[in-house]
Structures are given as structure tokens and as C-alpha cells.
Protein backbone atom coordinates (compact mmCIF):
# COMPACT_ATOMS: atom_id res chain seq x y z
CA MET A 1 -98.58 95.46 94.11
CA ASN A 2 -96.56 95.35 90.96
CA ALA A 3 -96.88 92.67 88.29
CA ALA A 4 -93.56 90.97 89.17
CA VAL A 5 -94.68 90.29 92.73
CA LEU A 6 -98.04 88.92 91.62
CA SER A 7 -96.47 86.68 88.97
CA ALA A 8 -94.09 85.27 91.58
CA PHE A 9 -97.08 84.06 93.59
CA GLY A 10 -98.42 82.25 90.53
CA ASN A 11 -95.22 80.19 90.28
CA VAL A 12 -95.19 79.06 93.91
CA GLY A 13 -97.49 76.13 93.23
CA THR A 14 -95.35 74.79 90.42
CA THR A 15 -92.21 75.28 92.51
CA LEU A 16 -93.78 73.09 95.22
CA GLY A 17 -94.74 70.46 92.66
CA ILE A 18 -98.47 71.15 92.61
CA GLY A 19 -100.60 72.88 90.00
CA GLY A 20 -101.20 76.61 90.30
CA GLY A 21 -104.96 76.13 90.81
CA LEU A 22 -104.47 73.52 93.51
CA PHE A 23 -102.07 75.84 95.33
CA TRP A 24 -104.73 78.57 95.60
CA VAL A 25 -107.34 76.02 96.71
CA LEU A 26 -105.00 74.87 99.50
CA ILE A 27 -104.35 78.49 100.54
CA GLY A 28 -108.11 79.06 100.68
CA ILE A 29 -108.68 75.96 102.81
CA ILE A 30 -105.90 76.94 105.23
CA ALA A 31 -107.29 80.48 105.50
CA LEU A 32 -110.82 79.19 106.15
CA TRP A 33 -109.49 76.75 108.78
CA THR A 34 -107.50 79.49 110.55
CA ILE A 35 -110.29 82.07 110.52
CA THR A 36 -112.88 79.58 111.78
CA LEU A 37 -110.74 78.31 114.66
CA LYS A 38 -109.56 81.80 115.60
CA GLY A 39 -113.13 83.12 115.70
CA PHE A 40 -114.37 80.19 117.78
CA ALA A 41 -111.45 80.43 120.24
CA LEU A 42 -111.74 84.23 120.56
CA TRP A 43 -115.47 83.90 121.22
CA HIS A 44 -114.89 81.37 124.02
CA ALA A 45 -112.06 83.40 125.56
CA ALA A 46 -114.18 86.56 125.58
CA ARG A 47 -117.21 84.72 126.97
CA ASN A 48 -115.11 83.23 129.77
CA TYR A 49 -113.43 86.57 130.63
CA GLN A 50 -109.97 85.16 129.84
CA HIS A 51 -108.36 88.45 128.79
CA TYR A 52 -104.80 87.14 128.41
CA TRP A 53 -105.92 84.24 126.24
CA PHE A 54 -108.00 86.61 124.12
CA VAL A 55 -105.02 88.88 123.43
CA ALA A 56 -102.68 85.94 122.76
CA LEU A 57 -105.14 84.31 120.37
CA LEU A 58 -105.75 87.62 118.61
CA VAL A 59 -102.08 88.51 118.12
CA ILE A 60 -100.34 85.15 117.59
CA ASN A 61 -101.02 83.40 114.29
CA THR A 62 -100.16 79.69 114.33
CA PHE A 63 -102.48 78.38 111.58
CA GLY A 64 -104.98 77.22 114.19
CA LEU A 65 -102.61 75.27 116.45
CA LEU A 66 -102.75 77.65 119.44
CA GLU A 67 -106.50 77.92 118.98
CA LEU A 68 -106.87 74.12 119.08
CA VAL A 69 -104.74 73.88 122.22
CA TYR A 70 -106.88 76.54 123.89
CA LEU A 71 -110.20 75.01 122.84
CA ILE A 72 -109.23 71.49 123.89
CA ARG A 73 -107.22 72.14 127.06
CA PHE A 74 -107.78 75.60 128.54
CA ARG A 75 -111.39 76.50 127.74
CA SER A 76 -113.16 76.76 131.08
CA ASP A 77 -116.84 76.73 130.19
CA LYS A 78 -117.48 73.31 131.64
CA ASP A 79 -119.96 74.73 134.18
CA GLU A 80 -123.41 73.33 133.35
CA ASN A 81 -125.25 76.00 135.40
CA ARG A 82 -123.91 78.85 133.30
CA THR A 83 -126.44 80.44 130.98
CA PRO A 84 -124.73 81.84 127.88
CA SER A 85 -125.80 85.42 127.38
CA LEU A 86 -124.37 88.69 126.18
CA PHE A 87 -125.51 90.28 129.42
CA ASN A 88 -123.73 87.91 131.82
CA THR A 89 -121.03 89.37 134.02
CA PRO A 90 -118.22 87.46 135.77
CA GLU A 91 -120.39 87.37 138.89
CA GLY A 92 -123.32 85.83 137.01
CA PRO A 93 -126.50 87.02 135.38
CA GLU A 94 -128.00 88.20 138.68
CA SER A 95 -125.53 91.08 138.94
CA SER A 96 -126.28 92.47 135.47
CA ALA A 97 -129.05 94.99 134.86
CA SER A 98 -132.37 93.43 133.96
CA ALA A 99 -133.95 94.52 130.73
């Protein structure tokens, strides 16, 4: 990136009425929030074999809003008999190869 582009980012905080340091702290918090929710939602979608949700969550970036909707409303791991494992298949752990 050239210096003009980088200096423009430094002025965004003052344009919004906040200090330059506070702007970067807010960007960091938003990034941490988004990455954490996206990782958690992707993990649940993969574990529950919800392929369409996994792709949607991976591709669409909504600053954590779609991830929250999925985790609160559409996550289907409410089954108490399910044993979380990397070796589980959609049919259950009995159908996977025993180690």
C-alpha cells in the first residue's frame, strides 16, 4: 500500500469524532468479536452437518449478526444423547470405524 492510503486510514478516527488510537481499538474489538462468533458458528454448523449454513456463514460477513442468529435460532445440537466427537458420523458414533 502506498503512504497516501495508509495516512487516510489514520484520519478516519478524527473524521468520526474519536481519537485515532480509540478508532484502532474499536476496529480491533469488532474484529475479535466477528472472528470469535464466526469460528463458533462454523464449528457448530460443521459438527451438525449443516452444509448450507456452513457455506453461508463462511462467505457472508455481517459483523457477527448472521452468526448470532444461527447460534440462537438454528443450531440443532439440542440432543442430549449426542456425544461430541471428531469421529461421529450423521448416523451416530456406532457407524464410524472404531479405533
